[in-house]
C-alpha atoms as a PDB file:
ATOM      1  CA  MET A   1       0.000   0.000   0.000  1.00  0.00           C
ATOM      2  CA  PRO A   2       1.580   3.331  -1.082  1.00  0.00           C
ATOM      3  CA  PRO A   3       2.221   5.938   1.600  1.00  0.00           C
ATOM      4  CA  ARG A   4      -0.191   8.838   1.927  1.00  0.00           C
ATOM      5  CA  LEU A   5       1.018  12.292   1.194  1.00  0.00           C
ATOM      6  CA  SER A   6       0.469  14.795   3.933  1.00  0.00           C
ATOM      7  CA  LEU A   7      -1.307  18.094   3.184  1.00  0.00           C
ATOM      8  CA  ARG A   8       1.517  19.919   4.915  1.00  0.00           C
ATOM      9  CA  VAL A   9       3.911  18.618   2.326  1.00  0.00           C
ATOM     10  CA  LEU A  10       1.698  19.863  -0.490  1.00  0.00           C
ATOM     11  CA  ARG A  11       1.270  23.273   1.072  1.00  0.00           C
ATOM     12  CA  TRP A  12       4.889  23.678   2.015  1.00  0.00           C
ATOM     13  CA  PRO A  13       6.150  25.070  -1.304  1.00  0.00           C
ATOM     14  CA  CYS A  14       3.480  27.845  -1.366  1.00  0.00           C
ATOM     15  CA  ARG A  15       4.418  29.638   1.823  1.00  0.00           C
ATOM     16  CA  PRO A  16       8.136  29.996   1.157  1.00  0.00           C
ATOM     17  CA  GLN A  17       7.406  31.113  -2.386  1.00  0.00           C
ATOM     18  CA  ARG A  18       5.147  33.923  -1.202  1.00  0.00           C
ATOM     19  CA  CYS A  19       7.578  35.022   1.462  1.00  0.00           C
ATOM     20  CA  LEU A  20      10.444  34.754  -0.957  1.00  0.00           C
ATOM     21  CA  SER A  21       8.694  36.902  -3.532  1.00  0.00           C
ATOM     22  CA  GLN A  22       8.018  39.641  -1.009  1.00  0.00           C
ATOM     23  CA  ARG A  23      11.442  39.565   0.578  1.00  0.00           C
ATOM     24  CA  SER A  24      13.414  39.202  -2.610  1.00  0.00           C
ATOM     25  CA  PHE A  25      11.879  42.186  -4.327  1.00  0.00           C
ATOM     26  CA  GLY A  26      11.226  44.173  -1.126  1.00  0.00           C
ATOM     27  CA  LEU A  27       7.806  45.361  -2.282  1.00  0.00           C
ATOM     28  CA  SER A  28       5.377  46.586   0.330  1.00  0.00           C
ATOM     29  CA  ARG A  29       1.704  47.148  -0.218  1.00  0.00           C
ATOM     30  CA  SER A  30       2.226  50.865  -0.734  1.00  0.00           C
ATOM     31  CA  ALA A  31       4.915  50.198  -3.327  1.00  0.00           C
ATOM     32  CA  GLN A  32       2.689  47.749  -5.134  1.00  0.00           C
ATOM     33  CA  ALA A  33      -0.134  50.324  -5.137  1.00  0.00           C
ATOM     34  CA  GLU A  34       2.208  52.859  -6.727  1.00  0.00           C
ATOM     35  CA  ARG A  35       3.138  50.383  -9.479  1.00  0.00           C
ATOM     36  CA  GLU A  36      -0.518  49.681 -10.290  1.00  0.00           C
ATOM     37  CA  PRO A  37      -1.947  51.765 -13.186  1.00  0.00           C
ATOM     38  CA  GLN A  38      -3.975  54.778 -12.023  1.00  0.00           C
ATOM     39  CA  PRO A  39      -7.258  55.778 -13.683  1.00  0.00           C
ATOM     40  CA  SER A  40      -6.951  58.673 -16.083  1.00  0.00           C
ATOM     41  CA  ALA A  41      -8.165  62.113 -14.996  1.00  0.00           C
ATOM     42  CA  PRO A  42     -11.432  63.465 -16.429  1.00  0.00           C
ATOM     43  CA  TRP A  43     -11.310  65.493 -19.580  1.00  0.00           C
ATOM     44  CA  GLY A  44     -10.271  69.070 -19.004  1.00  0.00           C
ATOM     45  CA  ARG A  45      -8.669  68.349 -15.618  1.00  0.00           C
ATOM     46  CA  ARG A  46      -5.150  67.594 -14.590  1.00  0.00           C
ATOM     47  CA  PRO A  47      -4.297  65.911 -11.302  1.00  0.00           C
ATOM     48  CA  ALA A  48      -2.621  68.325  -8.960  1.00  0.00           C
ATOM     49  CA  ALA A  49      -0.145  67.606  -6.224  1.00  0.00           C
ATOM     50  CA  GLY A  50      -1.855  65.838  -3.349  1.00  0.00           C
ATOM     51  CA  GLY A  51      -4.331  63.959  -5.530  1.00  0.00           C
ATOM     52  CA  SER A  52      -6.853  66.812  -6.169  1.00  0.00           C
ATOM     53  CA  ALA A  53      -7.945  67.887  -9.643  1.00  0.00           C
ATOM     54  CA  LEU A  54      -8.719  71.486 -10.670  1.00  0.00           C
ATOM     55  CA  PRO A  55     -10.566  72.639 -13.770  1.00  0.00           C
ATOM     56  CA  ARG A  56      -8.287  73.660 -16.558  1.00  0.00           C
ATOM     57  CA  LEU A  57      -9.569  77.253 -16.517  1.00  0.00           C
ATOM     58  CA  LEU A  58      -8.684  77.645 -12.843  1.00  0.00           C
ATOM     59  CA  GLN A  59      -5.079  76.843 -13.694  1.00  0.00           C
ATOM     60  CA  ILE A  60      -4.888  79.940 -15.920  1.00  0.00           C
ATOM     61  CA  PRO A  61      -3.774  82.926 -13.798  1.00  0.00           C
ATOM     62  CA  GLN A  62      -5.385  85.479 -16.112  1.00  0.00           C
ATOM     63  CA  PHE A  63      -8.772  83.794 -15.827  1.00  0.00           C
ATOM     64  CA  VAL A  64      -8.525  83.647 -12.034  1.00  0.00           C
ATOM     65  CA  ARG A  65      -7.650  87.343 -11.836  1.00  0.00           C
ATOM     66  CA  PHE A  66     -10.545  88.171 -14.156  1.00  0.00           C
ATOM     67  CA  GLY A  67     -12.980  86.239 -11.963  1.00  0.00           C
ATOM     68  CA  ILE A  68     -11.729  87.979  -8.832  1.00  0.00           C
ATOM     69  CA  ALA A  69     -12.090  91.378 -10.515  1.00  0.00           C
ATOM     70  CA  ILE A  70     -15.711  90.632 -11.464  1.00  0.00           C
ATOM     71  CA  ASP A  71     -16.591  89.305  -8.013  1.00  0.00           C
ATOM     72  CA  THR A  72     -15.109  92.336  -6.266  1.00  0.00           C
ATOM     73  CA  ALA A  73     -16.314  94.968  -8.738  1.00  0.00           C
ATOM     74  CA  ALA A  74     -17.878  98.041  -7.171  1.00  0.00           C
ATOM     75  CA  ALA A  75     -21.666  98.154  -6.943  1.00  0.00           C
ATOM     76  CA  TRP A  76     -21.923 101.374  -8.921  1.00  0.00           C
ATOM     77  CA  ARG A  77     -20.255  99.716 -11.916  1.00  0.00           C
ATOM     78  CA  TRP A  78     -22.810  96.920 -12.016  1.00  0.00           C
ATOM     79  CA  LEU A  79     -25.690  99.356 -11.591  1.00  0.00           C
ATOM     80  CA  ALA A  80     -24.284 101.701 -14.219  1.00  0.00           C
ATOM     81  CA  LEU A  81     -24.051  98.857 -16.733  1.00  0.00           C
ATOM     82  CA  LEU A  82     -27.595  97.799 -15.849  1.00  0.00           C
ATOM     83  CA  ALA A  83     -28.878 101.352 -16.316  1.00  0.00           C
ATOM     84  CA  VAL A  84     -27.158 101.625 -19.693  1.00  0.00           C
ATOM     85  CA  ALA A  85     -28.728  98.334 -20.786  1.00  0.00           C
ATOM     86  CA  LEU A  86     -32.167  99.803 -20.009  1.00  0.00           C
ATOM     87  CA  TRP A  87     -31.726 102.912 -22.164  1.00  0.00           C
ATOM     88  CA  PRO A  88     -34.825 102.176 -24.354  1.00  0.00           C
ATOM     89  CA  THR A  89     -36.937 102.246 -21.201  1.00  0.00           C
ATOM     90  CA  TRP A  90     -35.477 105.593 -20.092  1.00  0.00           C
ATOM     91  CA  TRP A  91     -36.083 107.038 -23.557  1.00  0.00           C
ATOM     92  CA  TRP A  92     -39.734 105.985 -23.578  1.00  0.00           C
ATOM     93  CA  MET A  93     -40.328 107.222 -20.021  1.00  0.00           C
ATOM     94  CA  GLY A  94     -38.739 110.588 -20.805  1.00  0.00           C
ATOM     95  CA  GLN A  95     -40.878 111.060 -23.899  1.00  0.00           C
ATOM     96  CA  ARG A  96     -44.058 110.189 -22.021  1.00  0.00           C
ATOM     97  CA  MET A  97     -43.272 112.641 -19.228  1.00  0.00           C
ATOM     98  CA  VAL A  98     -42.216 115.476 -21.529  1.00  0.00           C
ATOM     99  CA  ASP A  99     -45.146 115.347 -23.959  1.00  0.00           C
ATOM    100  CA  GLY A 100     -47.629 115.934 -21.124  1.00  0.00           C
ATOM    101  CA  SER A 101     -49.437 112.607 -21.471  1.00  0.00           C
ATOM    102  CA  ASP A 102     -48.591 111.666 -17.880  1.00  0.00           C
ATOM    103  CA  ASP A 103     -47.598 113.278 -14.595  1.00  0.00           C
ATOM    104  CA  PRO A 104     -43.851 113.212 -13.870  1.00  0.00           C
ATOM    105  CA  LEU A 105     -44.325 111.812 -10.368  1.00  0.00           C
ATOM    106  CA  GLY A 106     -42.180 108.806 -11.251  1.00  0.00           C
ATOM    107  CA  VAL A 107     -39.084 111.007 -11.054  1.00  0.00           C
ATOM    108  CA  LEU A 108     -39.763 111.363  -7.325  1.00  0.00           C
ATOM    109  CA  ALA A 109     -39.708 107.583  -6.874  1.00  0.00           C
ATOM    110  CA  LEU A 110     -36.472 107.243  -8.873  1.00  0.00           C
ATOM    111  CA  ALA A 111     -34.876 109.984  -6.776  1.00  0.00           C
ATOM    112  CA  THR A 112     -35.909 108.116  -3.631  1.00  0.00           C
ATOM    113  CA  LEU A 113     -34.220 104.934  -4.876  1.00  0.00           C
ATOM    114  CA  ALA A 114     -31.053 106.876  -5.641  1.00  0.00           C
ATOM    115  CA  THR A 115     -31.166 108.447  -2.167  1.00  0.00           C
ATOM    116  CA  LEU A 116     -31.571 105.009  -0.592  1.00  0.00           C
ATOM    117  CA  MET A 117     -28.512 103.731  -2.444  1.00  0.00           C
ATOM    118  CA  TRP A 118     -26.489 106.767  -1.388  1.00  0.00           C
ATOM    119  CA  HIS A 119     -27.578 106.402   2.234  1.00  0.00           C
ATOM    120  CA  HIS A 120     -26.298 102.804   2.391  1.00  0.00           C
ATOM    121  CA  ARG A 121     -23.197 103.418   0.256  1.00  0.00           C
ATOM    122  CA  SER A 122     -20.816 102.498   3.081  1.00  0.00           C
ATOM    123  CA  ARG A 123     -22.691  99.264   3.908  1.00  0.00           C
ATOM    124  CA  LEU A 124     -23.134  97.786   0.456  1.00  0.00           C
ATOM    125  CA  ARG A 125     -22.294  94.139  -0.032  1.00  0.00           C
ATOM    126  CA  ALA A 126     -18.834  93.315  -1.322  1.00  0.00           C
ATOM    127  CA  ALA A 127     -20.364  90.486  -3.363  1.00  0.00           C
ATOM    128  CA  PRO A 128     -23.995  90.752  -4.550  1.00  0.00           C
ATOM    129  CA  ARG A 129     -26.707  88.266  -3.704  1.00  0.00           C
ATOM    130  CA  LEU A 130     -26.664  85.815  -6.563  1.00  0.00           C
ATOM    131  CA  GLY A 131     -30.428  85.308  -6.873  1.00  0.00           C
ATOM    132  CA  PHE A 132     -31.247  88.989  -7.234  1.00  0.00           C
ATOM    133  CA  GLN A 133     -28.254  89.545  -9.502  1.00  0.00           C
ATOM    134  CA  VAL A 134     -29.428  86.805 -11.856  1.00  0.00           C
ATOM    135  CA  ALA A 135     -32.956  88.262 -11.776  1.00  0.00           C
ATOM    136  CA  ALA A 136     -31.600  91.711 -12.663  1.00  0.00           C
ATOM    137  CA  LEU A 137     -29.572  90.424 -15.604  1.00  0.00           C
ATOM    138  CA  THR A 138     -32.464  88.272 -16.825  1.00  0.00           C
ATOM    139  CA  GLY A 139     -34.841  91.234 -16.644  1.00  0.00           C
ATOM    140  CA  ALA A 140     -32.441  93.413 -18.616  1.00  0.00           C
ATOM    141  CA  VAL A 141     -32.186  90.768 -21.342  1.00  0.00           C
ATOM    142  CA  LEU A 142     -35.982  90.376 -21.459  1.00  0.00           C
ATOM    143  CA  THR A 143     -36.446  94.142 -21.672  1.00  0.00           C
ATOM    144  CA  THR A 144     -34.256  94.240 -24.770  1.00  0.00           C
ATOM    145  CA  ALA A 145     -35.738  91.112 -26.342  1.00  0.00           C
ATOM    146  CA  LEU A 146     -39.400  92.052 -25.761  1.00  0.00           C
ATOM    147  CA  HIS A 147     -39.077  95.722 -26.662  1.00  0.00           C
ATOM    148  CA  ALA A 148     -41.073  95.356 -29.889  1.00  0.00           C
ATOM    149  CA  GLN A 149     -43.218  92.416 -28.768  1.00  0.00           C
ATOM    150  CA  LEU A 150     -45.137  93.794 -25.757  1.00  0.00           C
ATOM    151  CA  PRO A 151     -46.630  97.184 -24.852  1.00  0.00           C
ATOM    152  CA  ASP A 152     -44.101  99.780 -23.761  1.00  0.00           C
ATOM    153  CA  LEU A 153     -45.576 100.021 -20.276  1.00  0.00           C
ATOM    154  CA  VAL A 154     -45.158  96.252 -19.676  1.00  0.00           C
ATOM    155  CA  VAL A 155     -41.594  96.309 -21.005  1.00  0.00           C
ATOM    156  CA  ALA A 156     -40.777  99.293 -18.793  1.00  0.00           C
ATOM    157  CA  LEU A 157     -42.237  97.463 -15.792  1.00  0.00           C
ATOM    158  CA  VAL A 158     -39.900  94.496 -16.427  1.00  0.00           C
ATOM    159  CA  GLY A 159     -36.951  96.843 -16.817  1.00  0.00           C
ATOM    160  CA  LEU A 160     -37.587  98.788 -13.618  1.00  0.00           C
ATOM    161  CA  LEU A 161     -38.157  95.608 -11.628  1.00  0.00           C
ATOM    162  CA  SER A 162     -34.796  94.342 -12.894  1.00  0.00           C
ATOM    163  CA  LEU A 163     -33.222  97.606 -11.773  1.00  0.00           C
ATOM    164  CA  ALA A 164     -34.782  97.166  -8.339  1.00  0.00           C
ATOM    165  CA  ALA A 165     -33.429  93.604  -8.196  1.00  0.00           C
ATOM    166  CA  GLY A 166     -29.969  94.956  -8.998  1.00  0.00           C
ATOM    167  CA  LEU A 167     -30.255  97.448  -6.143  1.00  0.00           C
ATOM    168  CA  ILE A 168     -31.465  94.796  -3.703  1.00  0.00           C
ATOM    169  CA  ALA A 169     -28.543  92.562  -4.661  1.00  0.00           C
ATOM    170  CA  PHE A 170     -26.112  95.062  -3.118  1.00  0.00           C
ATOM    171  CA  LEU A 171     -28.212  96.572  -0.315  1.00  0.00           C
ATOM    172  CA  PRO A 172     -27.755  95.268   3.251  1.00  0.00           C
ATOM    173  CA  ALA A 173     -29.946  92.421   4.432  1.00  0.00           C
ATOM    174  CA  GLN A 174     -31.885  94.617   6.880  1.00  0.00           C
ATOM    175  CA  VAL A 175     -33.345  96.681   4.016  1.00  0.00           C
ATOM    176  CA  ALA A 176     -36.756  95.266   3.082  1.00  0.00           C
ATOM    177  CA  THR A 177     -37.197  94.254  -0.533  1.00  0.00           C
ATOM    178  CA  ALA A 178     -40.950  94.907  -0.872  1.00  0.00           C
ATOM    179  CA  PRO A 179     -40.769  98.735  -0.473  1.00  0.00           C
ATOM    180  CA  VAL A 180     -37.897  98.879  -2.977  1.00  0.00           C
ATOM    181  CA  LEU A 181     -39.936  96.923  -5.502  1.00  0.00           C
ATOM    182  CA  GLY A 182     -42.893  99.175  -4.760  1.00  0.00           C
ATOM    183  CA  LEU A 183     -40.881 102.304  -5.504  1.00  0.00           C
ATOM    184  CA  SER A 184     -39.700 100.810  -8.772  1.00  0.00           C
ATOM    185  CA  VAL A 185     -43.325 100.246  -9.825  1.00  0.00           C
ATOM    186  CA  LEU A 186     -44.308 103.756  -8.742  1.00  0.00           C
ATOM    187  CA  SER A 187     -41.509 105.225 -10.868  1.00  0.00           C
ATOM    188  CA  LEU A 188     -43.420 104.177 -13.990  1.00  0.00           C
ATOM    189  CA  PRO A 189     -45.460 106.830 -15.830  1.00  0.00           C
ATOM    190  CA  LEU A 190     -48.699 104.960 -15.165  1.00  0.00           C
ATOM    191  CA  LEU A 191     -51.107 107.570 -13.796  1.00  0.00           C
ATOM    192  CA  ALA A 192     -52.703 108.155 -17.192  1.00  0.00           C
ATOM    193  CA  SER A 193     -53.176 104.412 -17.696  1.00  0.00           C
ATOM    194  CA  LEU A 194     -54.646 104.014 -14.220  1.00  0.00           C
ATOM    195  CA  GLN A 195     -56.983 106.920 -14.866  1.00  0.00           C
ATOM    196  CA  PHE A 196     -58.135 105.337 -18.116  1.00  0.00           C
ATOM    197  CA  TYR A 197     -58.751 101.829 -16.750  1.00  0.00           C
ATOM    198  CA  ALA A 198     -59.574 102.394 -13.064  1.00  0.00           C
ATOM    199  CA  GLY A 199     -60.722 106.026 -13.025  1.00  0.00           C
ATOM    200  CA  PHE A 200     -64.414 105.454 -13.744  1.00  0.00           C
ATOM    201  CA  PRO A 201     -64.907 102.580 -11.242  1.00  0.00           C
ATOM    202  CA  LEU A 202     -63.210 104.666  -8.570  1.00  0.00           C
ATOM    203  CA  ARG A 203     -65.457 107.639  -9.367  1.00  0.00           C
ATOM    204  CA  VAL A 204     -68.553 105.450  -9.097  1.00  0.00           C
ATOM    205  CA  VAL A 205     -67.457 104.157  -5.687  1.00  0.00           C
ATOM    206  CA  THR A 206     -66.657 107.698  -4.523  1.00  0.00           C
ATOM    207  CA  ALA A 207     -69.981 109.036  -5.744  1.00  0.00           C
ATOM    208  CA  GLU A 208     -71.929 106.261  -4.018  1.00  0.00           C
ATOM    209  CA  ALA A 209     -70.106 106.780  -0.714  1.00  0.00           C
ATOM    210  CA  SER A 210     -70.674 110.544  -0.964  1.00  0.00           C
ATOM    211  CA  ARG A 211     -74.366 109.902  -1.577  1.00  0.00           C
ATOM    212  CA  TRP A 212     -74.611 108.013   1.708  1.00  0.00           C
ATOM    213  CA  LEU A 213     -73.026 110.893   3.600  1.00  0.00           C
ATOM    214  CA  LEU A 214     -74.955 113.667   1.854  1.00  0.00           C
ATOM    215  CA  SER A 215     -78.276 111.878   2.236  1.00  0.00           C
ATOM    216  CA  ILE A 216     -78.215 112.762   5.940  1.00  0.00           C
ATOM    217  CA  ALA A 217     -79.115 116.378   5.137  1.00  0.00           C
ATOM    218  CA  HIS A 218     -80.019 116.391   1.427  1.00  0.00           C
ATOM    219  CA  ALA A 219     -82.079 114.521  -1.110  1.00  0.00           C
ATOM    220  CA  VAL A 220     -79.444 112.774  -3.213  1.00  0.00           C
ATOM    221  CA  GLU A 221     -79.597 110.451  -6.181  1.00  0.00           C
ATOM    222  CA  ARG A 222     -76.728 108.900  -8.103  1.00  0.00           C
ATOM    223  CA  SER A 223     -76.520 108.130 -11.795  1.00  0.00           C
ATOM    224  CA  GLY A 224     -73.203 106.633 -12.818  1.00  0.00           C
ATOM    225  CA  SER A 225     -70.523 108.934 -11.475  1.00  0.00           C
ATOM    226  CA  SER A 226     -72.902 111.901 -11.222  1.00  0.00           C
ATOM    227  CA  LEU A 227     -74.942 113.085  -8.242  1.00  0.00           C
ATOM    228  CA  VAL A 228     -78.231 114.987  -8.150  1.00  0.00           C
ATOM    229  CA  VAL A 229     -78.306 116.894  -4.845  1.00  0.00           C
ATOM    230  CA  ASP A 230     -81.515 118.818  -4.140  1.00  0.00           C
ATOM    231  CA  GLY A 231     -82.150 119.013  -7.857  1.00  0.00           C
ATOM    232  CA  GLN A 232     -78.616 120.170  -8.747  1.00  0.00           C
ATOM    233  CA  LEU A 233     -76.460 118.003 -10.990  1.00  0.00           C
ATOM    234  CA  VAL A 234     -72.904 117.474  -9.784  1.00  0.00           C
ATOM    235  CA  ILE A 235     -70.455 115.460 -11.872  1.00  0.00           C
ATOM    236  CA  VAL A 236     -67.621 113.591 -10.172  1.00  0.00           C
ATOM    237  CA  ASP A 237     -64.948 114.121 -12.811  1.00  0.00           C
ATOM    238  CA  ALA A 238     -61.507 112.521 -13.340  1.00  0.00           C
ATOM    239  CA  PRO A 239     -59.528 114.548 -10.750  1.00  0.00           C
ATOM    240  CA  CYS A 240     -61.937 113.258  -8.085  1.00  0.00           C
ATOM    241  CA  SER A 241     -61.167 109.601  -8.806  1.00  0.00           C
ATOM    242  CA  GLY A 242     -58.324 109.596  -6.268  1.00  0.00           C
ATOM    243  CA  VAL A 243     -55.650 108.089  -8.541  1.00  0.00           C
ATOM    244  CA  GLN A 244     -53.060 110.723  -7.623  1.00  0.00           C
ATOM    245  CA  MET A 245     -53.923 110.423  -3.944  1.00  0.00           C
ATOM    246  CA  ALA A 246     -53.445 106.663  -4.190  1.00  0.00           C
ATOM    247  CA  TRP A 247     -50.022 107.124  -5.805  1.00  0.00           C
ATOM    248  CA  LEU A 248     -48.891 109.546  -3.103  1.00  0.00           C
ATOM    249  CA  GLY A 249     -50.313 107.299  -0.385  1.00  0.00           C
ATOM    250  CA  TYR A 250     -48.403 104.227  -1.517  1.00  0.00           C
ATOM    251  CA  PHE A 251     -45.293 106.322  -2.066  1.00  0.00           C
ATOM    252  CA  THR A 252     -45.536 107.543   1.525  1.00  0.00           C
ATOM    253  CA  ALA A 253     -45.965 103.968   2.742  1.00  0.00           C
ATOM    254  CA  CYS A 254     -42.816 102.771   0.917  1.00  0.00           C
ATOM    255  CA  VAL A 255     -40.702 105.700   2.112  1.00  0.00           C
ATOM    256  CA  VAL A 256     -41.783 105.435   5.755  1.00  0.00           C
ATOM    257  CA  ALA A 257     -41.299 101.646   5.746  1.00  0.00           C
ATOM    258  CA  LEU A 258     -37.719 102.071   4.522  1.00  0.00           C
ATOM    259  CA  ALA A 259     -37.051 104.897   6.958  1.00  0.00           C
ATOM    260  CA  VAL A 260     -38.170 102.959  10.038  1.00  0.00           C
ATOM    261  CA  GLY A 261     -36.713  99.622   8.890  1.00  0.00           C
ATOM    262  CA  ARG A 262     -40.009  97.820   8.485  1.00  0.00           C
ATOM    263  CA  HIS A 263     -39.689  94.172   7.409  1.00  0.00           C
ATOM    264  CA  ASN A 264     -41.437  92.726   4.370  1.00  0.00           C
ATOM    265  CA  ARG A 265     -44.132  90.931   6.336  1.00  0.00           C
ATOM    266  CA  ASN A 266     -45.054  93.968   8.436  1.00  0.00           C
ATOM    267  CA  PHE A 267     -45.044  96.190   5.360  1.00  0.00           C
ATOM    268  CA  LEU A 268     -47.341  93.926   3.361  1.00  0.00           C
ATOM    269  CA  LEU A 269     -49.732  93.425   6.272  1.00  0.00           C
ATOM    270  CA  ARG A 270     -50.192  97.205   6.599  1.00  0.00           C
ATOM    271  CA  LEU A 271     -50.797  97.899   2.906  1.00  0.00           C
ATOM    272  CA  PRO A 272     -54.594  97.358   3.194  1.00  0.00           C
ATOM    273  CA  VAL A 273     -54.644 100.244   5.688  1.00  0.00           C
ATOM    274  CA  VAL A 274     -53.181 102.450   2.955  1.00  0.00           C
ATOM    275  CA  SER A 275     -55.994 101.541   0.569  1.00  0.00           C
ATOM    276  CA  VAL A 276     -58.666 102.193   3.190  1.00  0.00           C
ATOM    277  CA  LEU A 277     -57.228 105.585   4.165  1.00  0.00           C
ATOM    278  CA  VAL A 278     -56.916 106.670   0.525  1.00  0.00           C
ATOM    279  CA  LEU A 279     -60.510 105.683  -0.217  1.00  0.00           C
ATOM    280  CA  LEU A 280     -61.852 107.428   2.907  1.00  0.00           C
ATOM    281  CA  GLY A 281     -59.837 110.568   2.171  1.00  0.00           C
ATOM    282  CA  ASN A 282     -61.104 110.747  -1.389  1.00  0.00           C
ATOM    283  CA  VAL A 283     -64.706 110.278  -0.248  1.00  0.00           C
ATOM    284  CA  VAL A 284     -64.369 113.023   2.388  1.00  0.00           C
ATOM    285  CA  ARG A 285     -62.818 115.454  -0.106  1.00  0.00           C
ATOM    286  CA  ASN A 286     -65.517 114.802  -2.685  1.00  0.00           C
ATOM    287  CA  THR A 287     -68.293 115.114  -0.101  1.00  0.00           C
ATOM    288  CA  VAL A 288     -66.988 118.440   1.203  1.00  0.00           C
ATOM    289  CA  LEU A 289     -66.662 119.917  -2.284  1.00  0.00           C
ATOM    290  CA  VAL A 290     -70.138 118.745  -3.316  1.00  0.00           C
ATOM    291  CA  ALA A 291     -71.642 120.118  -0.090  1.00  0.00           C
ATOM    292  CA  PHE A 292     -70.075 123.533  -0.729  1.00  0.00           C
ATOM    293  CA  GLN A 293     -71.279 123.588  -4.313  1.00  0.00           C
ATOM    294  CA  THR A 294     -74.886 122.606  -3.530  1.00  0.00           C
ATOM    295  CA  SER A 295     -75.160 125.014  -0.575  1.00  0.00           C
ATOM    296  CA  GLY A 296     -74.678 128.027  -2.795  1.00  0.00           C
ATOM    297  CA  THR A 297     -71.191 128.800  -1.497  1.00  0.00           C
ATOM    298  CA  HIS A 298     -68.936 129.197  -4.498  1.00  0.00           C
ATOM    299  CA  LEU A 299     -65.372 128.074  -3.937  1.00  0.00           C
ATOM    300  CA  PRO A 300     -62.665 129.494  -6.175  1.00  0.00           C
ATOM    301  CA  ASN A 301     -60.120 127.246  -7.812  1.00  0.00           C
ATOM    302  CA  TRP A 302     -57.620 127.773  -5.027  1.00  0.00           C
ATOM    303  CA  GLY A 303     -60.316 126.764  -2.544  1.00  0.00           C
ATOM    304  CA  HIS A 304     -60.741 123.412  -4.307  1.00  0.00           C
ATOM    305  CA  GLU A 305     -56.974 122.953  -4.293  1.00  0.00           C
ATOM    306  CA  ALA A 306     -56.734 123.885  -0.623  1.00  0.00           C
ATOM    307  CA  VAL A 307     -59.383 121.344   0.402  1.00  0.00           C
ATOM    308  CA  GLY A 308     -57.622 118.670  -1.647  1.00  0.00           C
ATOM    309  CA  LEU A 309     -54.213 119.466  -0.141  1.00  0.00           C
ATOM    310  CA  VAL A 310     -55.534 119.422   3.419  1.00  0.00           C
ATOM    311  CA  VAL A 311     -57.200 116.038   2.938  1.00  0.00           C
ATOM    312  CA  LEU A 312     -54.110 114.698   1.161  1.00  0.00           C
ATOM    313  CA  GLY A 313     -51.902 115.819   4.043  1.00  0.00           C
ATOM    314  CA  LEU A 314     -54.154 114.111   6.579  1.00  0.00           C
ATOM    315  CA  VAL A 315     -54.221 110.895   4.546  1.00  0.00           C
ATOM    316  CA  CYS A 316     -50.432 110.807   4.133  1.00  0.00           C
ATOM    317  CA  ALA A 317     -49.971 111.558   7.839  1.00  0.00           C
ATOM    318  CA  GLY A 318     -52.280 108.680   8.727  1.00  0.00           C
ATOM    319  CA  ILE A 319     -50.416 106.343   6.382  1.00  0.00           C
ATOM    320  CA  GLY A 320     -47.083 107.392   7.857  1.00  0.00           C
ATOM    321  CA  TRP A 321     -48.369 106.757  11.365  1.00  0.00           C
ATOM    322  CA  ALA A 322     -49.756 103.350  10.379  1.00  0.00           C
ATOM    323  CA  MET A 323     -46.405 102.325   8.891  1.00  0.00           C
ATOM    324  CA  ALA A 324     -44.287 103.658  11.741  1.00  0.00           C
ATOM    325  CA  PHE A 325     -46.512 102.597  14.630  1.00  0.00           C
ATOM    326  CA  GLU A 326     -45.085  99.784  16.701  1.00  0.00           C
ATOM    327  CA  PRO A 327     -47.456  98.310  19.308  1.00  0.00           C
ATOM    328  CA  ARG A 328     -45.980  97.939  22.769  1.00  0.00           C
ATOM    329  CA  ILE A 329     -45.898  94.417  24.107  1.00  0.00           C
ATOM    330  CA  ARG A 330     -46.801  94.261  27.781  1.00  0.00           C
ATOM    331  CA  HIS A 331     -45.031  91.615  29.784  1.00  0.00           C
END
């Protein structure tokens, strides 16, 4: 019977061979890893020292310096370029204000935005907020692309909102965005358009509210935007619609909100108060003027203007108080 071979004898040549291969060549695991082929770097990248890979453009010093110059560019340069890109809007707005087709109240809103930027000039962001910056650039491109496709007023609205987004991108975080956007909308020459589309409904509402008040002491009937008071016909014409008072009321709300540092939520929650005060002020003015006219007391033109200015001052004062008022919390 032949002798059995032990498993140790069969395994014996393997162990010395493995040890001999490692000792004879002196290769450690790290050395073997270095000799193994490494995967190629992605296209456009070159492995840097330490194993990291940088984009090819970031390895060009001129490109890096250009990127740093753009990121640290002064705010006025960005805003100047944005304003130049919107030159068709400025041209249309200037023509509409000069030819007398609209009131130049929008200049007051633009001056307020410029004053706001000047007031925060020492606290502007070194790098703009990316979201608002992208919105500003997108709006400027759309203003140019849609110049002949949409009405001029809509295109101007897009352009001025993009300008407001550019301002917000550099303003400090504590400055609310809603009043800035509101001022940009108010800078549009839109009073004539508002008078055309919303003037008659506002006159009807004003005439109906005045009828309720005058009916306490007079026999009053309303027909459209006209009133018949004790047999006398009184027409509530366009200046009595309250469009200008509404513009000045919302302008006061935006300015006071920025002055007192009102946040977006508080500002938006108080806007309905502005609408109510403007409507009440317009109704009171119209009622007083109609009462004077039907009582036989003739008011000169300056008398009409004086009544309107007094009511306007009271309305704006009430709006300013509503925006600045801060309720005290009792502990």
